[in-house]
């Protein structure tokens, strides 16, 4: 039974180290930056959902392409996440 107590912590660490989770965090950070910039520009908080939809529509494709290119240059081209997007 003691191994089941350690499993959740190990699972959480595995998830935190996964490339998919790292991509999620990086994308989330970009969305939060976009939210801040647009909120400042408009003079009020636009909210996460509006920022998310706006960022996806205007910036996601270019951001992903630039990130993919940057990671390939850094030797991360074998990442399963990157292969799925090709």
PDB file of N, CA and C in Angstrom:
ATOM      1  N   UNK A   1       0.799  -1.201   0.000  1.00  0.00           N
ATOM      2  CA  UNK A   1       0.000   0.000   0.000  1.00  0.00           C
ATOM      3  C   UNK A   1       0.842   1.265   0.000  1.00  0.00           C
ATOM      4  N   UNK A   2       2.021   1.196   0.517  1.00  0.00           N
ATOM      5  CA  UNK A   2       2.851   2.398   0.581  1.00  0.00           C
ATOM      6  C   UNK A   2       3.228   2.890  -0.819  1.00  0.00           C
ATOM      7  N   UNK A   3       3.289   1.989  -1.815  1.00  0.00           N
ATOM      8  CA  UNK A   3       3.622   2.435  -3.161  1.00  0.00           C
ATOM      9  C   UNK A   3       2.510   3.292  -3.759  1.00  0.00           C
ATOM     10  N   UNK A   4       1.242   3.027  -3.400  1.00  0.00           N
ATOM     11  CA  UNK A   4       0.145   3.838  -3.918  1.00  0.00           C
ATOM     12  C   UNK A   4       0.168   5.248  -3.343  1.00  0.00           C
ATOM     13  N   UNK A   5       0.765   5.431  -2.177  1.00  0.00           N
ATOM     14  CA  UNK A   5       0.873   6.750  -1.586  1.00  0.00           C
ATOM     15  C   UNK A   5       1.862   7.593  -2.393  1.00  0.00           C
ATOM     16  N   UNK A   6       2.907   6.966  -2.922  1.00  0.00           N
ATOM     17  CA  UNK A   6       3.925   7.683  -3.685  1.00  0.00           C
ATOM     18  C   UNK A   6       3.524   7.880  -5.148  1.00  0.00           C
ATOM     19  N   UNK A   7       2.604   7.092  -5.647  1.00  0.00           N
ATOM     20  CA  UNK A   7       2.223   7.188  -7.047  1.00  0.00           C
ATOM     21  C   UNK A   7       1.706   8.566  -7.458  1.00  0.00           C
ATOM     22  N   UNK A   8       0.798   9.176  -6.708  1.00  0.00           N
ATOM     23  CA  UNK A   8       0.317  10.490  -7.143  1.00  0.00           C
ATOM     24  C   UNK A   8       1.435  11.530  -7.266  1.00  0.00           C
ATOM     25  N   UNK A   9       2.372  11.545  -6.337  1.00  0.00           N
ATOM     26  CA  UNK A   9       3.478  12.503  -6.417  1.00  0.00           C
ATOM     27  C   UNK A   9       4.324  12.221  -7.653  1.00  0.00           C
ATOM     28  N   UNK A  10       4.601  10.948  -7.918  1.00  0.00           N
ATOM     29  CA  UNK A  10       5.372  10.584  -9.107  1.00  0.00           C
ATOM     30  C   UNK A  10       4.615  10.938 -10.384  1.00  0.00           C
ATOM     31  N   UNK A  11       3.316  10.717 -10.358  1.00  0.00           N
ATOM     32  CA  UNK A  11       2.493  11.056 -11.522  1.00  0.00           C
ATOM     33  C   UNK A  11       2.501  12.552 -11.774  1.00  0.00           C
ATOM     34  N   UNK A  12       2.393  13.328 -10.697  1.00  0.00           N
ATOM     35  CA  UNK A  12       2.424  14.789 -10.848  1.00  0.00           C
ATOM     36  C   UNK A  12       3.758  15.247 -11.410  1.00  0.00           C
ATOM     37  N   UNK A  13       4.842  14.660 -10.935  1.00  0.00           N
ATOM     38  CA  UNK A  13       6.163  15.033 -11.442  1.00  0.00           C
ATOM     39  C   UNK A  13       6.303  14.666 -12.916  1.00  0.00           C
ATOM     40  N   UNK A  14       5.777  13.505 -13.279  1.00  0.00           N
ATOM     41  CA  UNK A  14       5.828  13.081 -14.680  1.00  0.00           C
ATOM     42  C   UNK A  14       5.084  14.078 -15.562  1.00  0.00           C
ATOM     43  N   UNK A  15       3.895  14.472 -15.104  1.00  0.00           N
ATOM     44  CA  UNK A  15       3.094  15.424 -15.873  1.00  0.00           C
ATOM     45  C   UNK A  15       3.822  16.753 -15.987  1.00  0.00           C
ATOM     46  N   UNK A  16       4.394  17.238 -14.894  1.00  0.00           N
ATOM     47  CA  UNK A  16       5.098  18.525 -14.910  1.00  0.00           C
ATOM     48  C   UNK A  16       6.290  18.504 -15.855  1.00  0.00           C
ATOM     49  N   UNK A  17       6.899  17.342 -16.030  1.00  0.00           N
ATOM     50  CA  UNK A  17       8.071  17.239 -16.900  1.00  0.00           C
ATOM     51  C   UNK A  17       7.695  16.945 -18.354  1.00  0.00           C
ATOM     52  N   UNK A  18       6.441  16.627 -18.611  1.00  0.00           N
ATOM     53  CA  UNK A  18       6.052  16.249 -19.966  1.00  0.00           C
ATOM     54  C   UNK A  18       6.103  17.450 -20.908  1.00  0.00           C
ATOM     55  N   UNK A  19       6.426  17.181 -22.154  1.00  0.00           N
ATOM     56  CA  UNK A  19       6.503  18.257 -23.152  1.00  0.00           C
ATOM     57  C   UNK A  19       5.124  18.868 -23.405  1.00  0.00           C
ATOM     58  N   UNK A  20       4.084  18.069 -23.301  1.00  0.00           N
ATOM     59  CA  UNK A  20       2.728  18.583 -23.505  1.00  0.00           C
ATOM     60  C   UNK A  20       2.382  19.622 -22.442  1.00  0.00           C
ATOM     61  N   UNK A  21       2.717  19.324 -21.190  1.00  0.00           N
ATOM     62  CA  UNK A  21       2.451  20.260 -20.102  1.00  0.00           C
ATOM     63  C   UNK A  21       3.300  21.517 -20.254  1.00  0.00           C
ATOM     64  N   UNK A  22       4.536  21.356 -20.673  1.00  0.00           N
ATOM     65  CA  UNK A  22       5.411  22.505 -20.886  1.00  0.00           C
ATOM     66  C   UNK A  22       4.858  23.403 -21.997  1.00  0.00           C
ATOM     67  N   UNK A  23       4.316  22.808 -23.044  1.00  0.00           N
ATOM     68  CA  UNK A  23       3.687  23.578 -24.120  1.00  0.00           C
ATOM     69  C   UNK A  23       2.463  24.327 -23.599  1.00  0.00           C
ATOM     70  N   UNK A  24       1.667  23.640 -22.781  1.00  0.00           N
ATOM     71  CA  UNK A  24       0.492  24.272 -22.188  1.00  0.00           C
ATOM     72  C   UNK A  24       0.887  25.496 -21.366  1.00  0.00           C
ATOM     73  N   UNK A  25       1.913  25.349 -20.519  1.00  0.00           N
ATOM     74  CA  UNK A  25       2.352  26.461 -19.674  1.00  0.00           C
ATOM     75  C   UNK A  25       2.866  27.633 -20.507  1.00  0.00           C
ATOM     76  N   UNK A  26       3.623  27.333 -21.547  1.00  0.00           N
ATOM     77  CA  UNK A  26       4.161  28.389 -22.403  1.00  0.00           C
ATOM     78  C   UNK A  26       3.032  29.125 -23.128  1.00  0.00           C
ATOM     79  N   UNK A  27       2.058  28.373 -23.616  1.00  0.00           N
ATOM     80  CA  UNK A  27       0.936  28.990 -24.319  1.00  0.00           C
ATOM     81  C   UNK A  27       0.100  29.821 -23.351  1.00  0.00           C
ATOM     82  N   UNK A  28      -0.122  29.296 -22.166  1.00  0.00           N
ATOM     83  CA  UNK A  28      -0.889  30.021 -21.141  1.00  0.00           C
ATOM     84  C   UNK A  28      -0.206  31.344 -20.794  1.00  0.00           C
ATOM     85  N   UNK A  29       1.102  31.317 -20.688  1.00  0.00           N
ATOM     86  CA  UNK A  29       1.856  32.532 -20.386  1.00  0.00           C
ATOM     87  C   UNK A  29       1.667  33.579 -21.486  1.00  0.00           C
ATOM     88  N   UNK A  30       1.672  33.145 -22.731  1.00  0.00           N
ATOM     89  CA  UNK A  30       1.451  34.073 -23.846  1.00  0.00           C
ATOM     90  C   UNK A  30       0.048  34.664 -23.807  1.00  0.00           C
ATOM     91  N   UNK A  31      -0.923  33.845 -23.464  1.00  0.00           N
ATOM     92  CA  UNK A  31      -2.305  34.323 -23.374  1.00  0.00           C
ATOM     93  C   UNK A  31      -2.430  35.353 -22.256  1.00  0.00           C
ATOM     94  N   UNK A  32      -1.788  35.095 -21.121  1.00  0.00           N
ATOM     95  CA  UNK A  32      -1.827  36.054 -20.013  1.00  0.00           C
ATOM     96  C   UNK A  32      -1.140  37.371 -20.386  1.00  0.00           C
ATOM     97  N   UNK A  33      -0.046  37.290 -21.138  1.00  0.00           N
ATOM     98  CA  UNK A  33       0.615  38.518 -21.620  1.00  0.00           C
ATOM     99  C   UNK A  33      -0.322  39.289 -22.542  1.00  0.00           C
ATOM    100  N   UNK A  34      -0.981  38.554 -23.437  1.00  0.00           N
ATOM    101  CA  UNK A  34      -1.922  39.184 -24.368  1.00  0.00           C
ATOM    102  C   UNK A  34      -3.064  39.835 -23.594  1.00  0.00           C
ATOM    103  N   UNK A  35      -3.569  39.159 -22.595  1.00  0.00           N
ATOM    104  CA  UNK A  35      -4.643  39.699 -21.754  1.00  0.00           C
ATOM    105  C   UNK A  35      -4.209  41.009 -21.110  1.00  0.00           C
ATOM    106  N   UNK A  36      -3.012  41.036 -20.573  1.00  0.00           N
ATOM    107  CA  UNK A  36      -2.511  42.232 -19.918  1.00  0.00           C
ATOM    108  C   UNK A  36      -2.364  43.379 -20.918  1.00  0.00           C
ATOM    109  N   UNK A  37      -1.739  43.091 -22.053  1.00  0.00           N
ATOM    110  CA  UNK A  37      -1.528  44.134 -23.059  1.00  0.00           C
ATOM    111  C   UNK A  37      -2.847  44.701 -23.586  1.00  0.00           C
ATOM    112  N   UNK A  38      -3.778  43.829 -23.911  1.00  0.00           N
ATOM    113  CA  UNK A  38      -5.067  44.290 -24.437  1.00  0.00           C
ATOM    114  C   UNK A  38      -5.867  45.026 -23.370  1.00  0.00           C
ATOM    115  N   UNK A  39      -5.809  44.558 -22.136  1.00  0.00           N
ATOM    116  CA  UNK A  39      -6.505  45.238 -21.042  1.00  0.00           C
ATOM    117  C   UNK A  39      -5.932  46.635 -20.835  1.00  0.00           C
ATOM    118  N   UNK A  40      -4.614  46.758 -20.904  1.00  0.00           N
ATOM    119  CA  UNK A  40      -3.967  48.071 -20.771  1.00  0.00           C
ATOM    120  C   UNK A  40      -4.370  48.977 -21.932  1.00  0.00           C
ATOM    121  N   UNK A  41      -4.375  48.428 -23.119  1.00  0.00           N
ATOM    122  CA  UNK A  41      -4.721  49.214 -24.305  1.00  0.00           C
ATOM    123  C   UNK A  41      -6.152  49.730 -24.232  1.00  0.00           C
ATOM    124  N   UNK A  42      -7.068  48.875 -23.773  1.00  0.00           N
ATOM    125  CA  UNK A  42      -8.478  49.246 -23.741  1.00  0.00           C
ATOM    126  C   UNK A  42      -8.877  49.983 -22.460  1.00  0.00           C
ATOM    127  N   UNK A  43      -8.052  49.876 -21.428  1.00  0.00           N
ATOM    128  CA  UNK A  43      -8.347  50.584 -20.192  1.00  0.00           C
ATOM    129  C   UNK A  43      -9.230  49.832 -19.213  1.00  0.00           C
ATOM    130  N   UNK A  44      -9.459  48.548 -19.483  1.00  0.00           N
ATOM    131  CA  UNK A  44     -10.214  47.713 -18.543  1.00  0.00           C
ATOM    132  C   UNK A  44      -9.808  46.257 -18.732  1.00  0.00           C
ATOM    133  N   UNK A  45     -10.078  45.439 -17.719  1.00  0.00           N
ATOM    134  CA  UNK A  45      -9.722  44.020 -17.767  1.00  0.00           C
ATOM    135  C   UNK A  45     -10.644  43.296 -18.739  1.00  0.00           C
ATOM    136  N   UNK A  46     -10.071  42.722 -19.774  1.00  0.00           N
ATOM    137  CA  UNK A  46     -10.892  42.045 -20.788  1.00  0.00           C
ATOM    138  C   UNK A  46     -11.261  40.622 -20.381  1.00  0.00           C
ATOM    139  N   UNK A  47     -10.630  40.090 -19.364  1.00  0.00           N
ATOM    140  CA  UNK A  47     -10.934  38.740 -18.906  1.00  0.00           C
ATOM    141  C   UNK A  47     -10.164  37.684 -19.680  1.00  0.00           C
ATOM    142  N   UNK A  48      -9.987  36.545 -19.039  1.00  0.00           N
ATOM    143  CA  UNK A  48      -9.179  35.488 -19.639  1.00  0.00           C
ATOM    144  C   UNK A  48      -9.827  34.903 -20.886  1.00  0.00           C
ATOM    145  N   UNK A  49     -11.128  34.658 -20.832  1.00  0.00           N
ATOM    146  CA  UNK A  49     -11.785  34.009 -21.966  1.00  0.00           C
ATOM    147  C   UNK A  49     -11.694  34.854 -23.233  1.00  0.00           C
ATOM    148  N   UNK A  50     -11.945  36.136 -23.113  1.00  0.00           N
ATOM    149  CA  UNK A  50     -11.838  37.014 -24.289  1.00  0.00           C
ATOM    150  C   UNK A  50     -10.399  37.062 -24.796  1.00  0.00           C
ATOM    151  N   UNK A  51      -9.443  37.152 -23.864  1.00  0.00           N
ATOM    152  CA  UNK A  51      -8.033  37.172 -24.250  1.00  0.00           C
ATOM    153  C   UNK A  51      -7.650  35.870 -24.948  1.00  0.00           C
ATOM    154  N   UNK A  52      -8.114  34.761 -24.418  1.00  0.00           N
ATOM    155  CA  UNK A  52      -7.828  33.454 -25.004  1.00  0.00           C
ATOM    156  C   UNK A  52      -8.333  33.376 -26.444  1.00  0.00           C
ATOM    157  N   UNK A  53      -9.598  33.701 -26.635  1.00  0.00           N
ATOM    158  CA  UNK A  53     -10.178  33.613 -27.977  1.00  0.00           C
ATOM    159  C   UNK A  53      -9.509  34.576 -28.948  1.00  0.00           C
ATOM    160  N   UNK A  54      -9.208  35.786 -28.487  1.00  0.00           N
ATOM    161  CA  UNK A  54      -8.547  36.770 -29.327  1.00  0.00           C
ATOM    162  C   UNK A  54      -7.141  36.312 -29.693  1.00  0.00           C
ATOM    163  N   UNK A  55      -6.409  35.785 -28.712  1.00  0.00           N
ATOM    164  CA  UNK A  55      -5.040  35.321 -28.954  1.00  0.00           C
ATOM    165  C   UNK A  55      -5.030  34.139 -29.919  1.00  0.00           C
ATOM    166  N   UNK A  56      -5.965  33.213 -29.728  1.00  0.00           N
ATOM    167  CA  UNK A  56      -6.037  32.058 -30.632  1.00  0.00           C
ATOM    168  C   UNK A  56      -6.284  32.539 -32.062  1.00  0.00           C
ATOM    169  N   UNK A  57      -7.224  33.447 -32.217  1.00  0.00           N
ATOM    170  CA  UNK A  57      -7.581  33.938 -33.549  1.00  0.00           C
ATOM    171  C   UNK A  57      -6.447  34.718 -34.205  1.00  0.00           C
ATOM    172  N   UNK A  58      -5.747  35.531 -33.420  1.00  0.00           N
ATOM    173  CA  UNK A  58      -4.764  36.440 -34.008  1.00  0.00           C
ATOM    174  C   UNK A  58      -3.316  35.944 -33.956  1.00  0.00           C
ATOM    175  N   UNK A  59      -2.956  35.157 -32.945  1.00  0.00           N
ATOM    176  CA  UNK A  59      -1.537  34.917 -32.706  1.00  0.00           C
ATOM    177  C   UNK A  59      -1.100  33.455 -32.577  1.00  0.00           C
ATOM    178  N   UNK A  60      -2.003  32.549 -32.311  1.00  0.00           N
ATOM    179  CA  UNK A  60      -1.611  31.180 -31.977  1.00  0.00           C
ATOM    180  C   UNK A  60      -0.799  30.505 -33.078  1.00  0.00           C
ATOM    181  N   UNK A  61      -1.275  30.579 -34.290  1.00  0.00           N
ATOM    182  CA  UNK A  61      -0.600  29.887 -35.383  1.00  0.00           C
ATOM    183  C   UNK A  61       0.839  30.373 -35.555  1.00  0.00           C
ATOM    184  N   UNK A  62       1.019  31.683 -35.563  1.00  0.00           N
ATOM    185  CA  UNK A  62       2.360  32.243 -35.700  1.00  0.00           C
ATOM    186  C   UNK A  62       3.249  31.924 -34.511  1.00  0.00           C
ATOM    187  N   UNK A  63       2.670  31.970 -33.313  1.00  0.00           N
ATOM    188  CA  UNK A  63       3.433  31.663 -32.104  1.00  0.00           C
ATOM    189  C   UNK A  63       3.908  30.216 -32.122  1.00  0.00           C
ATOM    190  N   UNK A  64       3.013  29.316 -32.497  1.00  0.00           N
ATOM    191  CA  UNK A  64       3.385  27.896 -32.548  1.00  0.00           C
ATOM    192  C   UNK A  64       4.464  27.636 -33.598  1.00  0.00           C
ATOM    193  N   UNK A  65       4.341  28.273 -34.744  1.00  0.00           N
ATOM    194  CA  UNK A  65       5.347  28.083 -35.798  1.00  0.00           C
ATOM    195  C   UNK A  65       6.708  28.593 -35.333  1.00  0.00           C
ATOM    196  N   UNK A  66       6.721  29.758 -34.700  1.00  0.00           N
ATOM    197  CA  UNK A  66       7.982  30.318 -34.210  1.00  0.00           C
ATOM    198  C   UNK A  66       8.558  29.441 -33.097  1.00  0.00           C
ATOM    199  N   UNK A  67       7.718  28.948 -32.225  1.00  0.00           N
ATOM    200  CA  UNK A  67       8.183  28.089 -31.131  1.00  0.00           C
ATOM    201  C   UNK A  67       8.741  26.773 -31.677  1.00  0.00           C
ATOM    202  N   UNK A  68       8.048  26.206 -32.660  1.00  0.00           N
ATOM    203  CA  UNK A  68       8.513  24.960 -33.277  1.00  0.00           C
ATOM    204  C   UNK A  68       9.884  25.166 -33.916  1.00  0.00           C
ATOM    205  N   UNK A  69      10.030  26.272 -34.617  1.00  0.00           N
ATOM    206  CA  UNK A  69      11.298  26.581 -35.276  1.00  0.00           C
ATOM    207  C   UNK A  69      12.401  26.794 -34.239  1.00  0.00           C
ATOM    208  N   UNK A  70      12.084  27.485 -33.174  1.00  0.00           N
ATOM    209  CA  UNK A  70      13.048  27.735 -32.106  1.00  0.00           C
ATOM    210  C   UNK A  70      13.474  26.419 -31.446  1.00  0.00           C
ATOM    211  N   UNK A  71      12.533  25.530 -31.206  1.00  0.00           N
ATOM    212  CA  UNK A  71      12.853  24.261 -30.564  1.00  0.00           C
ATOM    213  C   UNK A  71      13.641  23.353 -31.488  1.00  0.00           C
ATOM    214  N   UNK A  72      13.365  23.384 -32.759  1.00  0.00           N
ATOM    215  CA  UNK A  72      14.134  22.577 -33.703  1.00  0.00           C
ATOM    216  C   UNK A  72      15.569  23.061 -33.757  1.00  0.00           C
ATOM    217  N   UNK A  73      15.755  24.347 -33.679  1.00  0.00           N
ATOM    218  CA  UNK A  73      17.095  24.906 -33.647  1.00  0.00           C
ATOM    219  C   UNK A  73      17.844  24.537 -32.383  1.00  0.00           C
ATOM    220  N   UNK A  74      17.097  24.288 -31.307  1.00  0.00           N
ATOM    221  CA  UNK A  74      17.701  23.912 -30.030  1.00  0.00           C
ATOM    222  C   UNK A  74      17.855  22.398 -29.903  1.00  0.00           C
ATOM    223  N   UNK A  75      17.457  21.650 -30.933  1.00  0.00           N
ATOM    224  CA  UNK A  75      17.619  20.198 -30.899  1.00  0.00           C
ATOM    225  C   UNK A  75      16.506  19.455 -30.187  1.00  0.00           C
ATOM    226  N   UNK A  76      15.304  20.017 -30.168  1.00  0.00           N
ATOM    227  CA  UNK A  76      14.173  19.364 -29.516  1.00  0.00           C
ATOM    228  C   UNK A  76      13.205  18.826 -30.561  1.00  0.00           C
ATOM    229  N   UNK A  77      13.664  18.659 -31.770  1.00  0.00           N
ATOM    230  CA  UNK A  77      12.786  18.285 -32.879  1.00  0.00           C
ATOM    231  C   UNK A  77      12.149  16.915 -32.703  1.00  0.00           C
ATOM    232  N   UNK A  78      12.701  16.048 -31.891  1.00  0.00           N
ATOM    233  CA  UNK A  78      12.140  14.720 -31.699  1.00  0.00           C
ATOM    234  C   UNK A  78      10.990  14.667 -30.724  1.00  0.00           C
ATOM    235  N   UNK A  79      10.561  15.808 -30.230  1.00  0.00           N
ATOM    236  CA  UNK A  79       9.468  15.867 -29.260  1.00  0.00           C
ATOM    237  C   UNK A  79       8.178  15.344 -29.878  1.00  0.00           C
ATOM    238  N   UNK A  80       7.462  14.460 -29.191  1.00  0.00           N
ATOM    239  CA  UNK A  80       6.198  13.936 -29.724  1.00  0.00           C
ATOM    240  C   UNK A  80       5.191  15.034 -29.978  1.00  0.00           C
ATOM    241  N   UNK A  81       5.156  16.067 -29.144  1.00  0.00           N
ATOM    242  CA  UNK A  81       4.202  17.142 -29.336  1.00  0.00           C
ATOM    243  C   UNK A  81       4.461  17.850 -30.652  1.00  0.00           C
ATOM    244  N   UNK A  82       5.732  18.092 -30.966  1.00  0.00           N
ATOM    245  CA  UNK A  82       6.070  18.779 -32.194  1.00  0.00           C
ATOM    246  C   UNK A  82       5.769  17.931 -33.412  1.00  0.00           C
ATOM    247  N   UNK A  83       5.964  16.624 -33.310  1.00  0.00           N
ATOM    248  CA  UNK A  83       5.702  15.751 -34.448  1.00  0.00           C
ATOM    249  C   UNK A  83       4.220  15.717 -34.773  1.00  0.00           C
ATOM    250  N   UNK A  84       3.339  15.791 -33.752  1.00  0.00           N
ATOM    251  CA  UNK A  84       1.913  15.750 -33.991  1.00  0.00           C
ATOM    252  C   UNK A  84       1.434  16.975 -34.757  1.00  0.00           C
ATOM    253  N   UNK A  85       2.100  18.091 -34.603  1.00  0.00           N
ATOM    254  CA  UNK A  85       1.651  19.335 -35.218  1.00  0.00           C
ATOM    255  C   UNK A  85       2.065  19.469 -36.664  1.00  0.00           C
ATOM    256  N   UNK A  86       2.990  18.671 -37.131  1.00  0.00           N
ATOM    257  CA  UNK A  86       3.509  18.812 -38.495  1.00  0.00           C
ATOM    258  C   UNK A  86       2.475  18.434 -39.517  1.00  0.00           C
TER     259      UNK A  86
END
